[in-house]
Every structure is written in C-alpha cells, then in structure tokens.
Amino acid sequence: TGKQEHKAQAAFNHTEDYVMFPDEATTSLCCWNSRNASRKQLLS
C-alpha cells in the first residue's frame, strides 16, 4: 500500500544471508537475499 501506518523492523537472519521485513497490509513476511536483493518467497 506504499507508506505504512505503523513502524516495522527489518532484520537479518542469524547467518545474515537474508533480510526480513513484514508487510503491514498483508501481514506477510517479505524476504530478500541480503547480497543481491533478489526477492524470496513470502511467508504468511
């Protein structure tokens, strides 16, 4: 939805291979490869 209403946290996984961030509107988890920013599968 573009801009968020609430603040949310971005986090590395424990090996720093991935970057994680929750999508506010869909309550799903977005994930990327930390090195090349390629999108990974969403997690509800």
All heavy atoms as atom14 arrays in JSON, in Angstrom:
{
  "sequence": "TGKQEHKAQAAFNHTEDYVMFPDEATTSLCCWNSRNASRKQLLS",
  "atom14_mask": [
    [1, 1, 1, 1, 1, 1, 1, 0, 0, 0, 0, 0, 0, 0],
    [1, 1, 1, 1, 0, 0, 0, 0, 0, 0, 0, 0, 0, 0],
    [1, 1, 1, 1, 1, 1, 1, 1, 1, 0, 0, 0, 0, 0],
    [1, 1, 1, 1, 1, 1, 1, 1, 1, 0, 0, 0, 0, 0],
    [1, 1, 1, 1, 1, 1, 1, 1, 1, 0, 0, 0, 0, 0],
    [1, 1, 1, 1, 1, 1, 1, 1, 1, 1, 0, 0, 0, 0],
    [1, 1, 1, 1, 1, 1, 1, 1, 1, 0, 0, 0, 0, 0],
    [1, 1, 1, 1, 1, 0, 0, 0, 0, 0, 0, 0, 0, 0],
    [1, 1, 1, 1, 1, 1, 1, 1, 1, 0, 0, 0, 0, 0],
    [1, 1, 1, 1, 1, 0, 0, 0, 0, 0, 0, 0, 0, 0],
    [1, 1, 1, 1, 1, 0, 0, 0, 0, 0, 0, 0, 0, 0],
    [1, 1, 1, 1, 1, 1, 1, 1, 1, 1, 1, 0, 0, 0],
    [1, 1, 1, 1, 1, 1, 1, 1, 0, 0, 0, 0, 0, 0],
    [1, 1, 1, 1, 1, 1, 1, 1, 1, 1, 0, 0, 0, 0],
    [1, 1, 1, 1, 1, 1, 1, 0, 0, 0, 0, 0, 0, 0],
    [1, 1, 1, 1, 1, 1, 1, 1, 1, 0, 0, 0, 0, 0],
    [1, 1, 1, 1, 1, 1, 1, 1, 0, 0, 0, 0, 0, 0],
    [1, 1, 1, 1, 1, 1, 1, 1, 1, 1, 1, 1, 0, 0],
    [1, 1, 1, 1, 1, 1, 1, 0, 0, 0, 0, 0, 0, 0],
    [1, 1, 1, 1, 1, 1, 1, 1, 0, 0, 0, 0, 0, 0],
    [1, 1, 1, 1, 1, 1, 1, 1, 1, 1, 1, 0, 0, 0],
    [1, 1, 1, 1, 1, 1, 1, 0, 0, 0, 0, 0, 0, 0],
    [1, 1, 1, 1, 1, 1, 1, 1, 0, 0, 0, 0, 0, 0],
    [1, 1, 1, 1, 1, 1, 1, 1, 1, 0, 0, 0, 0, 0],
    [1, 1, 1, 1, 1, 0, 0, 0, 0, 0, 0, 0, 0, 0],
    [1, 1, 1, 1, 1, 1, 1, 0, 0, 0, 0, 0, 0, 0],
    [1, 1, 1, 1, 1, 1, 1, 0, 0, 0, 0, 0, 0, 0],
    [1, 1, 1, 1, 1, 1, 0, 0, 0, 0, 0, 0, 0, 0],
    [1, 1, 1, 1, 1, 1, 1, 1, 0, 0, 0, 0, 0, 0],
    [1, 1, 1, 1, 1, 1, 0, 0, 0, 0, 0, 0, 0, 0],
    [1, 1, 1, 1, 1, 1, 0, 0, 0, 0, 0, 0, 0, 0],
    [1, 1, 1, 1, 1, 1, 1, 1, 1, 1, 1, 1, 1, 1],
    [1, 1, 1, 1, 1, 1, 1, 1, 0, 0, 0, 0, 0, 0],
    [1, 1, 1, 1, 1, 1, 0, 0, 0, 0, 0, 0, 0, 0],
    [1, 1, 1, 1, 1, 1, 1, 1, 1, 1, 1, 0, 0, 0],
    [1, 1, 1, 1, 1, 1, 1, 1, 0, 0, 0, 0, 0, 0],
    [1, 1, 1, 1, 1, 0, 0, 0, 0, 0, 0, 0, 0, 0],
    [1, 1, 1, 1, 1, 1, 0, 0, 0, 0, 0, 0, 0, 0],
    [1, 1, 1, 1, 1, 1, 1, 1, 1, 1, 1, 0, 0, 0],
    [1, 1, 1, 1, 1, 1, 1, 1, 1, 0, 0, 0, 0, 0],
    [1, 1, 1, 1, 1, 1, 1, 1, 1, 0, 0, 0, 0, 0],
    [1, 1, 1, 1, 1, 1, 1, 1, 0, 0, 0, 0, 0, 0],
    [1, 1, 1, 1, 1, 1, 1, 1, 0, 0, 0, 0, 0, 0],
    [1, 1, 1, 1, 1, 1, 0, 0, 0, 0, 0, 0, 0, 0]
  ],
  "atom14_positions": [
    [[0.83, -1.22, 0.0], [0.0, 0.0, 0.0], [0.86, 1.26, 0.0], [0.38, 2.35, 0.3], [-0.92, 0.02, 1.24], [-0.1, -0.04, 2.42], [-1.87, -1.14, 1.23], [0.0, 0.0, 0.0], [0.0, 0.0, 0.0], [0.0, 0.0, 0.0], [0.0, 0.0, 0.0], [0.0, 0.0, 0.0], [0.0, 0.0, 0.0], [0.0, 0.0, 0.0]],
    [[2.16, 1.11, -0.29], [3.04, 2.27, -0.28], [3.52, 2.56, 1.11], [4.29, 1.8, 1.67], [0.0, 0.0, 0.0], [0.0, 0.0, 0.0], [0.0, 0.0, 0.0], [0.0, 0.0, 0.0], [0.0, 0.0, 0.0], [0.0, 0.0, 0.0], [0.0, 0.0, 0.0], [0.0, 0.0, 0.0], [0.0, 0.0, 0.0], [0.0, 0.0, 0.0]],
    [[3.03, 3.62, 1.7], [3.52, 4.01, 3.03], [2.8, 3.25, 4.13], [1.64, 2.88, 4.01], [3.34, 5.52, 3.22], [4.13, 6.33, 2.22], [4.37, 7.75, 2.71], [5.32, 8.47, 1.75], [5.63, 9.82, 2.2], [0.0, 0.0, 0.0], [0.0, 0.0, 0.0], [0.0, 0.0, 0.0], [0.0, 0.0, 0.0], [0.0, 0.0, 0.0]],
    [[3.53, 3.03, 5.23], [2.99, 2.29, 6.37], [2.33, 3.23, 7.38], [2.69, 4.39, 7.49], [4.11, 1.55, 7.09], [4.87, 0.59, 6.23], [6.21, 0.23, 6.87], [7.15, -0.07, 6.15], [6.31, 0.26, 8.18], [0.0, 0.0, 0.0], [0.0, 0.0, 0.0], [0.0, 0.0, 0.0], [0.0, 0.0, 0.0], [0.0, 0.0, 0.0]],
    [[1.41, 2.66, 8.14], [0.81, 3.4, 9.24], [1.64, 3.24, 10.51], [1.82, 4.17, 11.28], [-0.62, 2.91, 9.49], [-1.34, 3.7, 10.58], [-2.73, 3.16, 10.84], [-3.24, 2.33, 10.05], [-3.33, 3.56, 11.87], [0.0, 0.0, 0.0], [0.0, 0.0, 0.0], [0.0, 0.0, 0.0], [0.0, 0.0, 0.0], [0.0, 0.0, 0.0]],
    [[2.15, 2.01, 10.71], [2.92, 1.71, 11.91], [4.38, 1.45, 11.55], [4.7, 1.1, 10.42], [2.36, 0.47, 12.63], [0.91, 0.55, 12.92], [0.37, 1.46, 13.81], [-0.15, -0.16, 12.43], [-0.93, 1.31, 13.86], [-1.28, 0.33, 13.03], [0.0, 0.0, 0.0], [0.0, 0.0, 0.0], [0.0, 0.0, 0.0], [0.0, 0.0, 0.0]],
    [[5.27, 1.58, 12.53], [6.67, 1.27, 12.26], [6.87, -0.25, 12.31], [6.15, -0.96, 13.01], [7.6, 1.98, 13.25], [7.56, 1.47, 14.68], [8.67, 2.14, 15.5], [8.77, 1.51, 16.87], [9.91, 2.0, 17.63], [0.0, 0.0, 0.0], [0.0, 0.0, 0.0], [0.0, 0.0, 0.0], [0.0, 0.0, 0.0], [0.0, 0.0, 0.0]],
    [[7.8, -0.72, 11.52], [8.11, -2.15, 11.47], [9.63, -2.32, 11.37], [10.34, -1.42, 10.93], [7.42, -2.81, 10.28], [0.0, 0.0, 0.0], [0.0, 0.0, 0.0], [0.0, 0.0, 0.0], [0.0, 0.0, 0.0], [0.0, 0.0, 0.0], [0.0, 0.0, 0.0], [0.0, 0.0, 0.0], [0.0, 0.0, 0.0], [0.0, 0.0, 0.0]],
    [[10.12, -3.5, 11.79], [11.55, -3.72, 11.88], [12.06, -4.57, 10.72], [11.43, -5.56, 10.34], [11.91, -4.44, 13.19], [11.62, -3.65, 14.44], [10.14, -3.5, 14.7], [9.37, -4.43, 14.46], [9.74, -2.34, 15.18], [0.0, 0.0, 0.0], [0.0, 0.0, 0.0], [0.0, 0.0, 0.0], [0.0, 0.0, 0.0], [0.0, 0.0, 0.0]],
    [[13.21, -4.18, 10.19], [13.95, -5.03, 9.27], [14.99, -5.8, 10.07], [15.57, -5.25, 11.02], [14.62, -4.2, 8.19], [0.0, 0.0, 0.0], [0.0, 0.0, 0.0], [0.0, 0.0, 0.0], [0.0, 0.0, 0.0], [0.0, 0.0, 0.0], [0.0, 0.0, 0.0], [0.0, 0.0, 0.0], [0.0, 0.0, 0.0], [0.0, 0.0, 0.0]],
    [[15.22, -7.05, 9.72], [16.16, -7.87, 10.48], [16.95, -8.77, 9.54], [16.45, -9.2, 8.5], [15.42, -8.72, 11.51], [0.0, 0.0, 0.0], [0.0, 0.0, 0.0], [0.0, 0.0, 0.0], [0.0, 0.0, 0.0], [0.0, 0.0, 0.0], [0.0, 0.0, 0.0], [0.0, 0.0, 0.0], [0.0, 0.0, 0.0], [0.0, 0.0, 0.0]],
    [[18.19, -9.05, 9.92], [18.96, -10.13, 9.28], [18.53, -11.45, 9.9], [18.15, -11.5, 11.07], [20.46, -9.96, 9.54], [21.11, -8.81, 8.82], [21.61, -7.74, 9.53], [21.24, -8.82, 7.44], [22.24, -6.68, 8.89], [21.86, -7.76, 6.78], [22.36, -6.69, 7.5], [0.0, 0.0, 0.0], [0.0, 0.0, 0.0], [0.0, 0.0, 0.0]],
    [[18.63, -12.55, 9.13], [18.54, -13.86, 9.77], [19.87, -14.12, 10.49], [20.79, -13.29, 10.44], [18.2, -14.95, 8.75], [19.39, -15.31, 7.88], [20.18, -14.45, 7.51], [19.53, -16.58, 7.54], [0.0, 0.0, 0.0], [0.0, 0.0, 0.0], [0.0, 0.0, 0.0], [0.0, 0.0, 0.0], [0.0, 0.0, 0.0], [0.0, 0.0, 0.0]],
    [[20.01, -15.27, 11.16], [21.18, -15.49, 12.01], [22.49, -15.59, 11.23], [23.55, -15.3, 11.78], [20.98, -16.75, 12.86], [20.72, -18.0, 12.07], [19.66, -18.12, 11.2], [21.37, -19.2, 12.01], [19.67, -19.32, 10.65], [20.69, -19.98, 11.11], [0.0, 0.0, 0.0], [0.0, 0.0, 0.0], [0.0, 0.0, 0.0], [0.0, 0.0, 0.0]],
    [[22.44, -15.96, 9.94], [23.67, -16.06, 9.14], [23.9, -14.81, 8.29], [24.92, -14.72, 7.6], [23.62, -17.27, 8.2], [22.49, -17.11, 7.31], [23.47, -18.57, 8.98], [0.0, 0.0, 0.0], [0.0, 0.0, 0.0], [0.0, 0.0, 0.0], [0.0, 0.0, 0.0], [0.0, 0.0, 0.0], [0.0, 0.0, 0.0], [0.0, 0.0, 0.0]],
    [[22.95, -13.87, 8.32], [22.99, -12.65, 7.5], [22.9, -12.93, 6.0], [23.26, -12.11, 5.18], [24.24, -11.8, 7.82], [24.27, -11.29, 9.24], [25.43, -10.36, 9.55], [26.39, -10.3, 8.77], [25.36, -9.69, 10.59], [0.0, 0.0, 0.0], [0.0, 0.0, 0.0], [0.0, 0.0, 0.0], [0.0, 0.0, 0.0], [0.0, 0.0, 0.0]],
    [[22.38, -14.11, 5.65], [22.13, -14.42, 4.24], [20.86, -13.75, 3.74], [20.7, -13.53, 2.54], [22.0, -15.94, 4.03], [23.33, -16.66, 4.18], [24.37, -16.04, 3.88], [23.33, -17.84, 4.61], [0.0, 0.0, 0.0], [0.0, 0.0, 0.0], [0.0, 0.0, 0.0], [0.0, 0.0, 0.0], [0.0, 0.0, 0.0], [0.0, 0.0, 0.0]],
    [[19.94, -13.46, 4.65], [18.64, -12.92, 4.26], [18.3, -11.66, 5.07], [18.73, -11.5, 6.21], [17.53, -13.95, 4.48], [17.7, -15.21, 3.65], [18.13, -16.4, 4.25], [17.47, -15.2, 2.28], [18.3, -17.55, 3.49], [17.65, -16.34, 1.51], [18.06, -17.51, 2.12], [18.25, -18.64, 1.37], [0.0, 0.0, 0.0], [0.0, 0.0, 0.0]],
    [[17.5, -10.81, 4.44], [16.92, -9.64, 5.09], [15.41, -9.85, 5.16], [14.8, -10.26, 4.16], [17.25, -8.34, 4.32], [16.42, -7.17, 4.83], [18.73, -8.03, 4.42], [0.0, 0.0, 0.0], [0.0, 0.0, 0.0], [0.0, 0.0, 0.0], [0.0, 0.0, 0.0], [0.0, 0.0, 0.0], [0.0, 0.0, 0.0], [0.0, 0.0, 0.0]],
    [[14.83, -9.59, 6.31], [13.4, -9.86, 6.54], [12.68, -8.57, 6.94], [13.23, -7.75, 7.66], [13.25, -10.9, 7.65], [13.97, -12.19, 7.37], [14.38, -13.13, 8.88], [12.77, -13.29, 9.63], [0.0, 0.0, 0.0], [0.0, 0.0, 0.0], [0.0, 0.0, 0.0], [0.0, 0.0, 0.0], [0.0, 0.0, 0.0], [0.0, 0.0, 0.0]],
    [[11.43, -8.45, 6.49], [10.65, -7.25, 6.79], [9.17, -7.57, 6.62], [8.76, -8.11, 5.58], [11.06, -6.12, 5.83], [10.4, -4.79, 6.11], [10.72, -4.05, 7.24], [9.47, -4.27, 5.24], [10.14, -2.81, 7.49], [8.87, -3.03, 5.46], [9.21, -2.3, 6.6], [0.0, 0.0, 0.0], [0.0, 0.0, 0.0], [0.0, 0.0, 0.0]],
    [[8.32, -7.28, 7.61], [6.9, -7.62, 7.49], [6.12, -6.59, 6.66], [6.33, -5.39, 6.82], [6.41, -7.62, 8.94], [7.31, -6.66, 9.64], [8.65, -6.73, 8.96], [0.0, 0.0, 0.0], [0.0, 0.0, 0.0], [0.0, 0.0, 0.0], [0.0, 0.0, 0.0], [0.0, 0.0, 0.0], [0.0, 0.0, 0.0], [0.0, 0.0, 0.0]],
    [[5.24, -7.07, 5.8], [4.36, -6.19, 5.05], [3.12, -5.93, 5.9], [2.42, -6.87, 6.29], [3.97, -6.83, 3.71], [3.05, -5.93, 2.89], [1.83, -5.96, 3.13], [3.55, -5.19, 2.04], [0.0, 0.0, 0.0], [0.0, 0.0, 0.0], [0.0, 0.0, 0.0], [0.0, 0.0, 0.0], [0.0, 0.0, 0.0], [0.0, 0.0, 0.0]],
    [[2.86, -4.67, 6.17], [1.79, -4.31, 7.11], [0.4, -4.7, 6.62], [-0.41, -5.24, 7.36], [1.85, -2.8, 7.36], [0.86, -2.29, 8.39], [1.05, -0.81, 8.66], [1.96, -0.46, 9.41], [0.3, 0.01, 8.07], [0.0, 0.0, 0.0], [0.0, 0.0, 0.0], [0.0, 0.0, 0.0], [0.0, 0.0, 0.0], [0.0, 0.0, 0.0]],
    [[0.13, -4.45, 5.34], [-1.22, -4.64, 4.81], [-1.61, -6.12, 4.72], [-2.75, -6.49, 4.99], [-1.35, -3.98, 3.45], [0.0, 0.0, 0.0], [0.0, 0.0, 0.0], [0.0, 0.0, 0.0], [0.0, 0.0, 0.0], [0.0, 0.0, 0.0], [0.0, 0.0, 0.0], [0.0, 0.0, 0.0], [0.0, 0.0, 0.0], [0.0, 0.0, 0.0]],
    [[-0.65, -6.96, 4.34], [-0.96, -8.38, 4.1], [-0.55, -9.28, 5.28], [-0.81, -10.48, 5.23], [-0.24, -8.88, 2.84], [1.18, -8.75, 3.03], [-0.64, -8.06, 1.63], [0.0, 0.0, 0.0], [0.0, 0.0, 0.0], [0.0, 0.0, 0.0], [0.0, 0.0, 0.0], [0.0, 0.0, 0.0], [0.0, 0.0, 0.0], [0.0, 0.0, 0.0]],
    [[0.08, -8.72, 6.31], [0.64, -9.47, 7.44], [1.43, -10.7, 6.94], [1.29, -11.81, 7.46], [-0.43, -9.91, 8.46], [-1.4, -10.76, 7.83], [-1.1, -8.72, 9.09], [0.0, 0.0, 0.0], [0.0, 0.0, 0.0], [0.0, 0.0, 0.0], [0.0, 0.0, 0.0], [0.0, 0.0, 0.0], [0.0, 0.0, 0.0], [0.0, 0.0, 0.0]],
    [[2.24, -10.46, 5.91], [3.14, -11.5, 5.43], [4.57, -11.01, 5.57], [4.82, -9.81, 5.71], [2.83, -11.85, 3.96], [2.96, -10.7, 3.15], [0.0, 0.0, 0.0], [0.0, 0.0, 0.0], [0.0, 0.0, 0.0], [0.0, 0.0, 0.0], [0.0, 0.0, 0.0], [0.0, 0.0, 0.0], [0.0, 0.0, 0.0], [0.0, 0.0, 0.0]],
    [[5.5, -11.95, 5.54], [6.91, -11.62, 5.71], [7.58, -11.55, 4.34], [7.57, -12.52, 3.59], [7.61, -12.67, 6.57], [9.08, -12.38, 6.87], [9.21, -11.25, 7.88], [9.78, -13.63, 7.37], [0.0, 0.0, 0.0], [0.0, 0.0, 0.0], [0.0, 0.0, 0.0], [0.0, 0.0, 0.0], [0.0, 0.0, 0.0], [0.0, 0.0, 0.0]],
    [[8.17, -10.39, 4.03], [8.97, -10.25, 2.83], [10.41, -10.62, 3.15], [10.89, -10.37, 4.26], [8.92, -8.81, 2.31], [7.28, -8.3, 1.81], [0.0, 0.0, 0.0], [0.0, 0.0, 0.0], [0.0, 0.0, 0.0], [0.0, 0.0, 0.0], [0.0, 0.0, 0.0], [0.0, 0.0, 0.0], [0.0, 0.0, 0.0], [0.0, 0.0, 0.0]],
    [[11.07, -11.2, 2.18], [12.44, -11.65, 2.4], [13.26, -11.46, 1.14], [12.76, -11.62, 0.02], [12.41, -13.13, 2.81], [14.03, -13.79, 3.18], [0.0, 0.0, 0.0], [0.0, 0.0, 0.0], [0.0, 0.0, 0.0], [0.0, 0.0, 0.0], [0.0, 0.0, 0.0], [0.0, 0.0, 0.0], [0.0, 0.0, 0.0], [0.0, 0.0, 0.0]],
    [[14.54, -11.08, 1.32], [15.45, -10.87, 0.19], [16.79, -11.54, 0.48], [17.18, -11.69, 1.64], [15.74, -9.38, -0.01], [14.58, -8.51, -0.29], [14.09, -8.12, -1.51], [13.74, -7.84, 0.67], [13.02, -7.28, -1.36], [12.77, -7.09, -0.04], [13.7, -7.82, 2.06], [11.8, -6.32, 0.59], [12.73, -7.07, 2.71], [11.79, -6.33, 1.97]],
    [[17.49, -11.91, -0.58], [18.89, -12.27, -0.45], [19.64, -11.0, -0.05], [19.52, -9.97, -0.72], [19.41, -12.81, -1.79], [20.88, -13.19, -1.74], [21.75, -12.36, -1.46], [21.18, -14.42, -2.06], [0.0, 0.0, 0.0], [0.0, 0.0, 0.0], [0.0, 0.0, 0.0], [0.0, 0.0, 0.0], [0.0, 0.0, 0.0], [0.0, 0.0, 0.0]],
    [[20.38, -11.03, 1.04], [20.98, -9.8, 1.57], [22.04, -9.22, 0.64], [22.28, -8.01, 0.66], [21.62, -10.09, 2.94], [22.67, -11.02, 2.82], [0.0, 0.0, 0.0], [0.0, 0.0, 0.0], [0.0, 0.0, 0.0], [0.0, 0.0, 0.0], [0.0, 0.0, 0.0], [0.0, 0.0, 0.0], [0.0, 0.0, 0.0], [0.0, 0.0, 0.0]],
    [[22.65, -10.07, -0.21], [23.77, -9.6, -1.03], [23.35, -9.02, -2.38], [23.98, -8.12, -2.9], [24.77, -10.75, -1.25], [25.42, -11.21, 0.04], [26.28, -12.43, -0.15], [26.94, -12.79, 1.12], [26.39, -13.54, 2.06], [25.18, -14.03, 1.88], [27.03, -13.8, 3.18], [0.0, 0.0, 0.0], [0.0, 0.0, 0.0], [0.0, 0.0, 0.0]],
    [[22.25, -9.55, -2.94], [21.86, -9.07, -4.28], [20.42, -8.58, -4.33], [19.93, -8.21, -5.39], [22.08, -10.17, -5.33], [21.3, -11.44, -5.02], [20.21, -11.39, -4.44], [21.84, -12.58, -5.43], [0.0, 0.0, 0.0], [0.0, 0.0, 0.0], [0.0, 0.0, 0.0], [0.0, 0.0, 0.0], [0.0, 0.0, 0.0], [0.0, 0.0, 0.0]],
    [[19.72, -8.57, -3.2], [18.36, -8.02, -3.07], [17.32, -8.77, -3.89], [16.24, -8.24, -4.16], [18.34, -6.54, -3.44], [0.0, 0.0, 0.0], [0.0, 0.0, 0.0], [0.0, 0.0, 0.0], [0.0, 0.0, 0.0], [0.0, 0.0, 0.0], [0.0, 0.0, 0.0], [0.0, 0.0, 0.0], [0.0, 0.0, 0.0], [0.0, 0.0, 0.0]],
    [[17.61, -10.02, -4.29], [16.6, -10.79, -5.01], [15.48, -11.2, -4.05], [15.74, -11.63, -2.92], [17.22, -12.03, -5.67], [17.8, -12.87, -4.69], [0.0, 0.0, 0.0], [0.0, 0.0, 0.0], [0.0, 0.0, 0.0], [0.0, 0.0, 0.0], [0.0, 0.0, 0.0], [0.0, 0.0, 0.0], [0.0, 0.0, 0.0], [0.0, 0.0, 0.0]],
    [[14.23, -11.04, -4.51], [13.06, -11.34, -3.68], [12.91, -12.84, -3.5], [13.04, -13.62, -4.44], [11.79, -10.79, -4.32], [11.6, -9.28, -4.19], [11.17, -8.87, -2.78], [9.95, -9.48, -2.34], [8.73, -9.01, -2.6], [8.59, -7.91, -3.32], [7.67, -9.62, -2.15], [0.0, 0.0, 0.0], [0.0, 0.0, 0.0], [0.0, 0.0, 0.0]],
    [[12.58, -13.25, -2.28], [12.31, -14.64, -1.97], [10.82, -14.83, -1.71], [10.05, -13.89, -1.75], [13.14, -15.08, -0.75], [14.65, -14.96, -0.96], [15.11, -15.83, -2.1], [16.57, -15.66, -2.4], [17.0, -16.49, -3.55], [0.0, 0.0, 0.0], [0.0, 0.0, 0.0], [0.0, 0.0, 0.0], [0.0, 0.0, 0.0], [0.0, 0.0, 0.0]],
    [[10.45, -16.07, -1.42], [9.04, -16.4, -1.24], [8.47, -15.71, -0.01], [9.13, -15.6, 1.02], [8.91, -17.92, -1.11], [7.49, -18.42, -1.13], [7.44, -19.94, -1.04], [8.42, -20.61, -1.31], [6.28, -20.47, -0.67], [0.0, 0.0, 0.0], [0.0, 0.0, 0.0], [0.0, 0.0, 0.0], [0.0, 0.0, 0.0], [0.0, 0.0, 0.0]],
    [[7.22, -15.26, -0.13], [6.53, -14.64, 1.01], [6.12, -15.72, 2.01], [5.89, -16.87, 1.65], [5.27, -13.91, 0.54], [5.45, -12.62, -0.25], [4.11, -12.17, -0.81], [6.06, -11.53, 0.63], [0.0, 0.0, 0.0], [0.0, 0.0, 0.0], [0.0, 0.0, 0.0], [0.0, 0.0, 0.0], [0.0, 0.0, 0.0], [0.0, 0.0, 0.0]],
    [[6.04, -15.31, 3.29], [5.56, -16.19, 4.35], [4.38, -15.53, 5.02], [4.49, -14.42, 5.54], [6.67, -16.45, 5.37], [6.27, -17.2, 6.64], [5.85, -18.64, 6.32], [7.4, -17.2, 7.67], [0.0, 0.0, 0.0], [0.0, 0.0, 0.0], [0.0, 0.0, 0.0], [0.0, 0.0, 0.0], [0.0, 0.0, 0.0], [0.0, 0.0, 0.0]],
    [[3.22, -16.18, 5.02], [2.06, -15.65, 5.73], [2.29, -15.81, 7.22], [2.55, -16.91, 7.71], [0.79, -16.4, 5.32], [-0.3, -15.94, 6.09], [0.0, 0.0, 0.0], [0.0, 0.0, 0.0], [0.0, 0.0, 0.0], [0.0, 0.0, 0.0], [0.0, 0.0, 0.0], [0.0, 0.0, 0.0], [0.0, 0.0, 0.0], [0.0, 0.0, 0.0]]
  ]
}
